[in-house]
Amino acid sequence: MRQIVLNILIAFLWVLFQDEHSFVFSTFVAGYVIGLIVIYILHRFFNQEFYPKKIWVVIKFLAVYLYQLITSSLSIINYILFKTKDMNPGLLTYETSLKNDWSITFLTILIIITPGSTVIRISKATNKFFIHSIDVSEKEKESLLKNIKQYENLILEVTQ
């Protein structure tokens, strides 16, 4: 957070030092890029990672989530329209390696928002999720657990 604020401050100072009569957005962008270069040179003194890496991880996370949301929505539509007799609803468990309450809550929300599955219970002692899925056949179960693991890895990447 400190790096972003410092970068915006450098950009505003750059605009002020340009001696222009009005605020020019292109000058601000140039100052922001100069601020990025300065912060990259000095980021080891912040004891933090260079902040554009975090922004990239968040963009990657959103892209993966939107892809999963669209594909699972299409899968649910397919089940509703064509495979209502082939559905095999049931429960499955997933043990997470997340330790932080915020991370576990975020993973729970991602599972619930994704169509076709919902979290019924979370065991506090073992961090085990009990999930109800619309189809627990081997193929679908493996796909769901892989998607949850992908969410978990992205959450770990964002929070570290």
N, C-alpha and C. Protein backbone atom coordinates (compact mmCIF):
# COMPACT_ATOMS: atom_id res chain seq x y z
N MET A 1 0.83 -1.19 0.00
CA MET A 1 0.00 0.00 0.00
C MET A 1 0.87 1.26 0.00
N ARG A 2 1.97 1.20 0.76
CA ARG A 2 2.86 2.36 0.81
C ARG A 2 3.47 2.64 -0.55
N GLN A 3 3.76 1.57 -1.31
CA GLN A 3 4.37 1.75 -2.61
C GLN A 3 3.41 2.44 -3.58
N ILE A 4 2.14 2.08 -3.54
CA ILE A 4 1.15 2.69 -4.43
C ILE A 4 0.99 4.18 -4.11
N VAL A 5 0.87 4.49 -2.82
CA VAL A 5 0.72 5.89 -2.41
C VAL A 5 1.95 6.70 -2.81
N LEU A 6 3.13 6.14 -2.61
CA LEU A 6 4.36 6.83 -3.00
C LEU A 6 4.41 7.03 -4.51
N ASN A 7 3.98 6.04 -5.27
CA ASN A 7 4.00 6.16 -6.72
C ASN A 7 3.05 7.25 -7.20
N ILE A 8 1.86 7.34 -6.62
CA ILE A 8 0.92 8.40 -6.98
C ILE A 8 1.46 9.76 -6.57
N LEU A 9 2.10 9.84 -5.42
CA LEU A 9 2.71 11.09 -4.98
C LEU A 9 3.80 11.54 -5.95
N ILE A 10 4.63 10.61 -6.38
CA ILE A 10 5.68 10.95 -7.36
C ILE A 10 5.05 11.44 -8.66
N ALA A 11 3.96 10.81 -9.08
CA ALA A 11 3.29 11.23 -10.32
C ALA A 11 2.73 12.65 -10.18
N PHE A 12 2.12 12.97 -9.04
CA PHE A 12 1.59 14.32 -8.83
C PHE A 12 2.73 15.35 -8.75
N LEU A 13 3.81 14.99 -8.10
CA LEU A 13 4.96 15.91 -8.06
C LEU A 13 5.51 16.14 -9.45
N TRP A 14 5.53 15.10 -10.26
CA TRP A 14 6.00 15.24 -11.63
C TRP A 14 5.12 16.23 -12.41
N VAL A 15 3.81 16.13 -12.20
CA VAL A 15 2.89 17.06 -12.86
C VAL A 15 3.13 18.49 -12.38
N LEU A 16 3.36 18.67 -11.08
CA LEU A 16 3.60 20.01 -10.54
C LEU A 16 4.90 20.62 -11.06
N PHE A 17 5.92 19.80 -11.23
CA PHE A 17 7.22 20.31 -11.66
C PHE A 17 7.31 20.56 -13.16
N GLN A 18 6.30 20.18 -13.91
CA GLN A 18 6.33 20.37 -15.36
C GLN A 18 5.95 21.78 -15.77
N ASP A 19 5.47 22.60 -14.85
CA ASP A 19 5.13 24.00 -15.11
C ASP A 19 4.11 24.14 -16.24
N GLU A 20 3.07 23.33 -16.17
CA GLU A 20 1.99 23.43 -17.14
C GLU A 20 0.84 24.19 -16.49
N HIS A 21 0.02 24.84 -17.29
CA HIS A 21 -1.05 25.68 -16.76
C HIS A 21 -2.26 24.88 -16.30
N SER A 22 -2.37 23.63 -16.74
CA SER A 22 -3.49 22.79 -16.31
C SER A 22 -2.99 21.35 -16.14
N PHE A 23 -3.82 20.57 -15.51
CA PHE A 23 -3.48 19.17 -15.30
C PHE A 23 -3.58 18.42 -16.63
N VAL A 24 -2.47 17.77 -17.02
CA VAL A 24 -2.43 17.00 -18.26
C VAL A 24 -2.25 15.54 -17.87
N PHE A 25 -3.20 14.70 -18.32
CA PHE A 25 -3.18 13.30 -17.92
C PHE A 25 -1.94 12.58 -18.44
N SER A 26 -1.48 12.92 -19.63
CA SER A 26 -0.29 12.26 -20.18
C SER A 26 0.95 12.56 -19.33
N THR A 27 1.01 13.74 -18.76
CA THR A 27 2.11 14.08 -17.86
C THR A 27 2.02 13.25 -16.58
N PHE A 28 0.79 13.07 -16.08
CA PHE A 28 0.60 12.23 -14.90
C PHE A 28 1.04 10.80 -15.17
N VAL A 29 0.68 10.27 -16.34
CA VAL A 29 1.07 8.89 -16.70
C VAL A 29 2.59 8.79 -16.79
N ALA A 30 3.23 9.80 -17.38
CA ALA A 30 4.70 9.80 -17.46
C ALA A 30 5.31 9.82 -16.06
N GLY A 31 4.73 10.62 -15.17
CA GLY A 31 5.20 10.65 -13.79
C GLY A 31 4.97 9.34 -13.07
N TYR A 32 3.86 8.68 -13.38
CA TYR A 32 3.57 7.39 -12.78
C TYR A 32 4.60 6.35 -13.22
N VAL A 33 4.96 6.36 -14.50
CA VAL A 33 5.97 5.43 -15.01
C VAL A 33 7.32 5.72 -14.37
N ILE A 34 7.67 6.99 -14.24
CA ILE A 34 8.92 7.35 -13.58
C ILE A 34 8.88 6.90 -12.12
N GLY A 35 7.73 7.07 -11.47
CA GLY A 35 7.57 6.59 -10.10
C GLY A 35 7.74 5.08 -10.00
N LEU A 36 7.22 4.34 -10.99
CA LEU A 36 7.41 2.89 -11.01
C LEU A 36 8.89 2.52 -11.06
N ILE A 37 9.62 3.24 -11.88
CA ILE A 37 11.06 2.96 -12.01
C ILE A 37 11.77 3.25 -10.69
N VAL A 38 11.45 4.38 -10.08
CA VAL A 38 12.07 4.75 -8.80
C VAL A 38 11.72 3.73 -7.72
N ILE A 39 10.46 3.33 -7.65
CA ILE A 39 10.03 2.38 -6.63
C ILE A 39 10.65 1.01 -6.88
N TYR A 40 10.82 0.64 -8.15
CA TYR A 40 11.46 -0.64 -8.43
C TYR A 40 12.90 -0.64 -7.93
N ILE A 41 13.57 0.48 -8.11
CA ILE A 41 14.95 0.58 -7.63
C ILE A 41 15.00 0.54 -6.10
N LEU A 42 14.01 1.13 -5.44
CA LEU A 42 14.02 1.25 -3.98
C LEU A 42 13.14 0.23 -3.26
N HIS A 43 12.49 -0.70 -3.97
CA HIS A 43 11.50 -1.55 -3.32
C HIS A 43 12.09 -2.49 -2.28
N ARG A 44 13.36 -2.82 -2.35
CA ARG A 44 13.93 -3.71 -1.35
C ARG A 44 14.01 -3.05 0.03
N PHE A 45 13.95 -1.70 0.07
CA PHE A 45 13.97 -1.00 1.34
C PHE A 45 12.60 -0.97 2.01
N PHE A 46 11.56 -1.33 1.27
CA PHE A 46 10.20 -1.38 1.83
C PHE A 46 9.93 -2.70 2.53
N ASN A 47 10.81 -3.67 2.37
CA ASN A 47 10.60 -5.03 2.88
C ASN A 47 9.30 -5.63 2.35
N GLN A 48 8.98 -5.31 1.12
CA GLN A 48 7.79 -5.83 0.44
C GLN A 48 8.16 -6.17 -0.99
N GLU A 49 7.28 -6.96 -1.61
CA GLU A 49 7.44 -7.26 -3.01
C GLU A 49 7.08 -6.02 -3.83
N PHE A 50 7.62 -5.94 -5.03
CA PHE A 50 7.28 -4.85 -5.94
C PHE A 50 5.79 -4.96 -6.28
N TYR A 51 5.01 -3.92 -6.01
CA TYR A 51 3.55 -4.04 -6.01
C TYR A 51 2.91 -4.38 -7.35
N PRO A 52 3.47 -4.09 -8.52
CA PRO A 52 2.80 -4.56 -9.75
C PRO A 52 2.70 -6.08 -9.85
N LYS A 53 3.56 -6.81 -9.13
CA LYS A 53 3.43 -8.27 -9.11
C LYS A 53 2.10 -8.68 -8.47
N LYS A 54 1.72 -8.00 -7.39
CA LYS A 54 0.45 -8.29 -6.73
C LYS A 54 -0.73 -7.95 -7.65
N ILE A 55 -0.61 -6.86 -8.37
CA ILE A 55 -1.68 -6.47 -9.30
C ILE A 55 -1.83 -7.54 -10.38
N TRP A 56 -0.71 -8.07 -10.88
CA TRP A 56 -0.75 -9.12 -11.88
C TRP A 56 -1.43 -10.38 -11.32
N VAL A 57 -1.12 -10.72 -10.08
CA VAL A 57 -1.73 -11.89 -9.46
C VAL A 57 -3.24 -11.69 -9.32
N VAL A 58 -3.69 -10.50 -8.95
CA VAL A 58 -5.12 -10.23 -8.81
C VAL A 58 -5.81 -10.32 -10.17
N ILE A 59 -5.18 -9.80 -11.23
CA ILE A 59 -5.76 -9.90 -12.57
C ILE A 59 -5.84 -11.36 -13.00
N LYS A 60 -4.80 -12.13 -12.72
CA LYS A 60 -4.82 -13.56 -13.05
C LYS A 60 -5.91 -14.27 -12.27
N PHE A 61 -6.07 -13.93 -11.01
CA PHE A 61 -7.11 -14.52 -10.18
C PHE A 61 -8.50 -14.23 -10.75
N LEU A 62 -8.75 -12.99 -11.13
CA LEU A 62 -10.04 -12.64 -11.70
C LEU A 62 -10.30 -13.36 -13.01
N ALA A 63 -9.27 -13.49 -13.85
CA ALA A 63 -9.43 -14.20 -15.12
C ALA A 63 -9.77 -15.67 -14.88
N VAL A 64 -9.08 -16.32 -13.96
CA VAL A 64 -9.36 -17.73 -13.66
C VAL A 64 -10.77 -17.87 -13.08
N TYR A 65 -11.14 -16.99 -12.18
CA TYR A 65 -12.47 -17.08 -11.58
C TYR A 65 -13.56 -16.88 -12.63
N LEU A 66 -13.42 -15.88 -13.48
CA LEU A 66 -14.44 -15.65 -14.51
C LEU A 66 -14.53 -16.83 -15.47
N TYR A 67 -13.41 -17.42 -15.82
CA TYR A 67 -13.42 -18.60 -16.68
C TYR A 67 -14.16 -19.75 -15.99
N GLN A 68 -13.85 -19.99 -14.72
CA GLN A 68 -14.52 -21.06 -13.98
C GLN A 68 -16.02 -20.79 -13.83
N LEU A 69 -16.37 -19.55 -13.61
CA LEU A 69 -17.78 -19.18 -13.46
C LEU A 69 -18.55 -19.43 -14.76
N ILE A 70 -17.99 -19.04 -15.88
CA ILE A 70 -18.65 -19.23 -17.17
C ILE A 70 -18.76 -20.71 -17.51
N THR A 71 -17.67 -21.46 -17.34
CA THR A 71 -17.72 -22.88 -17.70
C THR A 71 -18.66 -23.66 -16.78
N SER A 72 -18.66 -23.35 -15.49
CA SER A 72 -19.57 -24.06 -14.59
C SER A 72 -21.02 -23.67 -14.85
N SER A 73 -21.27 -22.42 -15.21
CA SER A 73 -22.63 -22.00 -15.54
C SER A 73 -23.14 -22.73 -16.78
N LEU A 74 -22.27 -22.85 -17.78
CA LEU A 74 -22.65 -23.60 -18.99
C LEU A 74 -22.88 -25.07 -18.68
N SER A 75 -22.08 -25.63 -17.78
CA SER A 75 -22.26 -27.02 -17.38
C SER A 75 -23.59 -27.22 -16.66
N ILE A 76 -23.97 -26.30 -15.79
CA ILE A 76 -25.24 -26.39 -15.08
C ILE A 76 -26.41 -26.25 -16.07
N ILE A 77 -26.28 -25.34 -17.01
CA ILE A 77 -27.33 -25.19 -18.03
C ILE A 77 -27.46 -26.50 -18.81
N ASN A 78 -26.35 -27.13 -19.15
CA ASN A 78 -26.36 -28.41 -19.85
C ASN A 78 -27.07 -29.48 -19.02
N TYR A 79 -26.77 -29.55 -17.73
CA TYR A 79 -27.43 -30.52 -16.85
C TYR A 79 -28.94 -30.27 -16.79
N ILE A 80 -29.33 -29.02 -16.65
CA ILE A 80 -30.75 -28.69 -16.52
C ILE A 80 -31.51 -29.02 -17.79
N LEU A 81 -30.93 -28.69 -18.93
CA LEU A 81 -31.65 -28.88 -20.19
C LEU A 81 -31.61 -30.32 -20.71
N PHE A 82 -30.47 -30.99 -20.55
CA PHE A 82 -30.29 -32.26 -21.24
C PHE A 82 -30.01 -33.47 -20.36
N LYS A 83 -29.50 -33.27 -19.16
CA LYS A 83 -29.03 -34.41 -18.37
C LYS A 83 -29.70 -34.51 -17.00
N THR A 84 -30.94 -34.14 -16.87
CA THR A 84 -31.56 -34.15 -15.55
C THR A 84 -31.66 -35.56 -14.97
N LYS A 85 -31.76 -36.58 -15.82
CA LYS A 85 -31.82 -37.95 -15.32
C LYS A 85 -30.43 -38.52 -15.03
N ASP A 86 -29.38 -37.90 -15.56
CA ASP A 86 -28.02 -38.39 -15.36
C ASP A 86 -27.32 -37.77 -14.16
N MET A 87 -27.96 -36.83 -13.48
CA MET A 87 -27.31 -36.16 -12.36
C MET A 87 -27.11 -37.13 -11.20
N ASN A 88 -26.00 -36.95 -10.53
CA ASN A 88 -25.64 -37.79 -9.39
C ASN A 88 -25.24 -36.88 -8.23
N PRO A 89 -26.19 -36.18 -7.58
CA PRO A 89 -25.82 -35.25 -6.51
C PRO A 89 -25.27 -35.99 -5.30
N GLY A 90 -24.41 -35.32 -4.58
CA GLY A 90 -23.84 -35.93 -3.39
C GLY A 90 -22.88 -35.02 -2.67
N LEU A 91 -22.27 -35.56 -1.63
CA LEU A 91 -21.33 -34.82 -0.80
C LEU A 91 -19.91 -35.28 -1.07
N LEU A 92 -18.98 -34.34 -0.94
CA LEU A 92 -17.57 -34.69 -1.00
C LEU A 92 -16.83 -33.80 -0.02
N THR A 93 -15.62 -34.20 0.31
CA THR A 93 -14.82 -33.42 1.26
C THR A 93 -13.57 -32.91 0.58
N TYR A 94 -13.10 -31.77 1.09
CA TYR A 94 -11.85 -31.18 0.59
C TYR A 94 -11.12 -30.60 1.79
N GLU A 95 -9.89 -31.04 1.98
CA GLU A 95 -9.08 -30.51 3.08
C GLU A 95 -8.15 -29.43 2.53
N THR A 96 -8.26 -28.25 3.12
CA THR A 96 -7.49 -27.11 2.64
C THR A 96 -6.23 -26.92 3.48
N SER A 97 -5.25 -26.29 2.85
CA SER A 97 -4.02 -25.96 3.58
C SER A 97 -4.04 -24.50 4.05
N LEU A 98 -5.13 -23.79 3.77
CA LEU A 98 -5.25 -22.40 4.21
C LEU A 98 -5.39 -22.35 5.73
N LYS A 99 -4.73 -21.41 6.35
CA LYS A 99 -4.77 -21.28 7.81
C LYS A 99 -5.53 -20.03 8.27
N ASN A 100 -5.46 -18.98 7.50
CA ASN A 100 -6.06 -17.71 7.85
C ASN A 100 -7.58 -17.79 7.72
N ASP A 101 -8.32 -17.26 8.68
CA ASP A 101 -9.79 -17.27 8.62
C ASP A 101 -10.30 -16.52 7.39
N TRP A 102 -9.66 -15.40 7.06
CA TRP A 102 -10.06 -14.63 5.90
C TRP A 102 -9.90 -15.44 4.62
N SER A 103 -8.81 -16.17 4.48
CA SER A 103 -8.57 -16.98 3.29
C SER A 103 -9.59 -18.12 3.18
N ILE A 104 -9.89 -18.75 4.31
CA ILE A 104 -10.86 -19.84 4.30
C ILE A 104 -12.25 -19.31 3.94
N THR A 105 -12.60 -18.14 4.46
CA THR A 105 -13.88 -17.53 4.13
C THR A 105 -13.95 -17.18 2.65
N PHE A 106 -12.86 -16.66 2.11
CA PHE A 106 -12.83 -16.30 0.69
C PHE A 106 -12.96 -17.53 -0.19
N LEU A 107 -12.29 -18.62 0.17
CA LEU A 107 -12.42 -19.87 -0.58
C LEU A 107 -13.85 -20.39 -0.50
N THR A 108 -14.46 -20.29 0.66
CA THR A 108 -15.85 -20.71 0.82
C THR A 108 -16.77 -19.91 -0.09
N ILE A 109 -16.58 -18.62 -0.14
CA ILE A 109 -17.40 -17.76 -1.00
C ILE A 109 -17.21 -18.14 -2.46
N LEU A 110 -15.98 -18.40 -2.87
CA LEU A 110 -15.73 -18.79 -4.26
C LEU A 110 -16.41 -20.10 -4.62
N ILE A 111 -16.40 -21.04 -3.70
CA ILE A 111 -17.05 -22.33 -3.95
C ILE A 111 -18.57 -22.13 -4.04
N ILE A 112 -19.12 -21.32 -3.16
CA ILE A 112 -20.56 -21.10 -3.14
C ILE A 112 -21.02 -20.34 -4.38
N ILE A 113 -20.28 -19.34 -4.79
CA ILE A 113 -20.67 -18.54 -5.95
C ILE A 113 -20.60 -19.34 -7.24
N THR A 114 -19.69 -20.28 -7.33
CA THR A 114 -19.58 -21.10 -8.53
C THR A 114 -20.80 -22.02 -8.60
N PRO A 115 -21.55 -22.00 -9.69
CA PRO A 115 -22.77 -22.81 -9.79
C PRO A 115 -22.49 -24.31 -9.70
N GLY A 116 -23.40 -25.02 -9.06
CA GLY A 116 -23.32 -26.47 -8.99
C GLY A 116 -22.72 -27.03 -7.72
N SER A 117 -22.21 -26.17 -6.86
CA SER A 117 -21.63 -26.66 -5.60
C SER A 117 -21.86 -25.64 -4.50
N THR A 118 -21.96 -26.15 -3.29
CA THR A 118 -22.11 -25.27 -2.14
C THR A 118 -21.44 -25.91 -0.93
N VAL A 119 -20.91 -25.09 -0.07
CA VAL A 119 -20.26 -25.58 1.14
C VAL A 119 -21.34 -25.76 2.21
N ILE A 120 -21.39 -26.96 2.77
CA ILE A 120 -22.38 -27.24 3.80
C ILE A 120 -21.80 -26.98 5.19
N ARG A 121 -20.55 -27.38 5.38
CA ARG A 121 -19.93 -27.23 6.69
C ARG A 121 -18.43 -27.14 6.52
N ILE A 122 -17.79 -26.43 7.45
CA ILE A 122 -16.33 -26.36 7.49
C ILE A 122 -15.91 -26.84 8.87
N SER A 123 -15.08 -27.86 8.91
CA SER A 123 -14.56 -28.36 10.17
C SER A 123 -13.43 -27.44 10.61
N LYS A 124 -13.60 -26.80 11.74
CA LYS A 124 -12.62 -25.84 12.24
C LYS A 124 -11.31 -26.52 12.65
N ALA A 125 -11.41 -27.73 13.17
CA ALA A 125 -10.22 -28.43 13.67
C ALA A 125 -9.30 -28.87 12.54
N THR A 126 -9.89 -29.37 11.45
CA THR A 126 -9.05 -29.93 10.38
C THR A 126 -9.08 -29.12 9.10
N ASN A 127 -9.79 -27.99 9.09
CA ASN A 127 -9.96 -27.17 7.89
C ASN A 127 -10.46 -28.01 6.72
N LYS A 128 -11.45 -28.83 7.00
CA LYS A 128 -12.03 -29.70 5.98
C LYS A 128 -13.38 -29.14 5.57
N PHE A 129 -13.56 -29.00 4.25
CA PHE A 129 -14.82 -28.53 3.69
C PHE A 129 -15.70 -29.73 3.37
N PHE A 130 -16.98 -29.62 3.70
CA PHE A 130 -17.97 -30.60 3.27
C PHE A 130 -18.81 -29.89 2.22
N ILE A 131 -18.73 -30.40 0.99
CA ILE A 131 -19.30 -29.71 -0.17
C ILE A 131 -20.38 -30.57 -0.80
N HIS A 132 -21.52 -29.94 -1.10
CA HIS A 132 -22.57 -30.61 -1.87
C HIS A 132 -22.40 -30.21 -3.33
N SER A 133 -22.38 -31.20 -4.20
CA SER A 133 -22.21 -30.95 -5.62
C SER A 133 -23.37 -31.56 -6.40
N ILE A 134 -23.69 -30.95 -7.51
CA ILE A 134 -24.79 -31.42 -8.33
C ILE A 134 -24.46 -32.75 -9.02
N ASP A 135 -23.16 -33.04 -9.18
CA ASP A 135 -22.75 -34.30 -9.79
C ASP A 135 -21.43 -34.73 -9.15
N VAL A 136 -21.44 -35.91 -8.54
CA VAL A 136 -20.23 -36.42 -7.89
C VAL A 136 -19.69 -37.66 -8.59
N SER A 137 -19.96 -37.75 -9.89
CA SER A 137 -19.32 -38.83 -10.64
C SER A 137 -17.81 -38.59 -10.63
N GLU A 138 -17.03 -39.63 -10.91
CA GLU A 138 -15.57 -39.52 -10.79
C GLU A 138 -15.01 -38.36 -11.60
N LYS A 139 -15.46 -38.20 -12.84
CA LYS A 139 -14.95 -37.13 -13.70
C LYS A 139 -15.28 -35.76 -13.13
N GLU A 140 -16.53 -35.56 -12.75
CA GLU A 140 -16.96 -34.26 -12.23
C GLU A 140 -16.35 -33.98 -10.86
N LYS A 141 -16.22 -35.00 -10.04
CA LYS A 141 -15.62 -34.83 -8.71
C LYS A 141 -14.16 -34.40 -8.85
N GLU A 142 -13.43 -35.06 -9.74
CA GLU A 142 -12.03 -34.71 -9.97
C GLU A 142 -11.91 -33.29 -10.51
N SER A 143 -12.80 -32.91 -11.40
CA SER A 143 -12.79 -31.56 -11.97
C SER A 143 -13.07 -30.51 -10.89
N LEU A 144 -14.07 -30.77 -10.04
CA LEU A 144 -14.41 -29.82 -8.98
C LEU A 144 -13.26 -29.67 -7.98
N LEU A 145 -12.66 -30.78 -7.57
CA LEU A 145 -11.55 -30.71 -6.62
C LEU A 145 -10.34 -30.01 -7.23
N LYS A 146 -10.13 -30.19 -8.52
CA LYS A 146 -9.02 -29.51 -9.20
C LYS A 146 -9.27 -28.00 -9.24
N ASN A 147 -10.52 -27.61 -9.52
CA ASN A 147 -10.87 -26.19 -9.54
C ASN A 147 -10.72 -25.55 -8.16
N ILE A 148 -11.13 -26.27 -7.13
CA ILE A 148 -11.00 -25.75 -5.76
C ILE A 148 -9.52 -25.60 -5.41
N LYS A 149 -8.71 -26.57 -5.80
CA LYS A 149 -7.26 -26.49 -5.54
C LYS A 149 -6.65 -25.29 -6.28
N GLN A 150 -7.15 -25.03 -7.50
CA GLN A 150 -6.66 -23.88 -8.25
C GLN A 150 -7.03 -22.58 -7.54
N TYR A 151 -8.27 -22.49 -7.02
CA TYR A 151 -8.67 -21.33 -6.23
C TYR A 151 -7.77 -21.17 -5.00
N GLU A 152 -7.52 -22.28 -4.34
CA GLU A 152 -6.69 -22.24 -3.13
C GLU A 152 -5.28 -21.74 -3.45
N ASN A 153 -4.69 -22.22 -4.52
CA ASN A 153 -3.35 -21.78 -4.91
C ASN A 153 -3.33 -20.30 -5.24
N LEU A 154 -4.37 -19.81 -5.91
CA LEU A 154 -4.43 -18.39 -6.22
C LEU A 154 -4.61 -17.54 -4.97
N ILE A 155 -5.41 -18.03 -4.02
CA ILE A 155 -5.57 -17.30 -2.76
C ILE A 155 -4.24 -17.24 -2.02
N LEU A 156 -3.50 -18.36 -2.00
CA LEU A 156 -2.18 -18.37 -1.36
C LEU A 156 -1.24 -17.39 -2.05
N GLU A 157 -1.33 -17.31 -3.36
CA GLU A 157 -0.45 -16.40 -4.11
C GLU A 157 -0.80 -14.95 -3.83
N VAL A 158 -2.08 -14.65 -3.69
CA VAL A 158 -2.50 -13.27 -3.41
C VAL A 158 -2.13 -12.87 -1.98
N THR A 159 -2.30 -13.77 -1.03
CA THR A 159 -2.09 -13.41 0.37
C THR A 159 -0.64 -13.43 0.80
N GLN A 160 0.24 -14.01 0.04
CA GLN A 160 1.65 -14.06 0.44
C GLN A 160 2.42 -12.88 -0.08
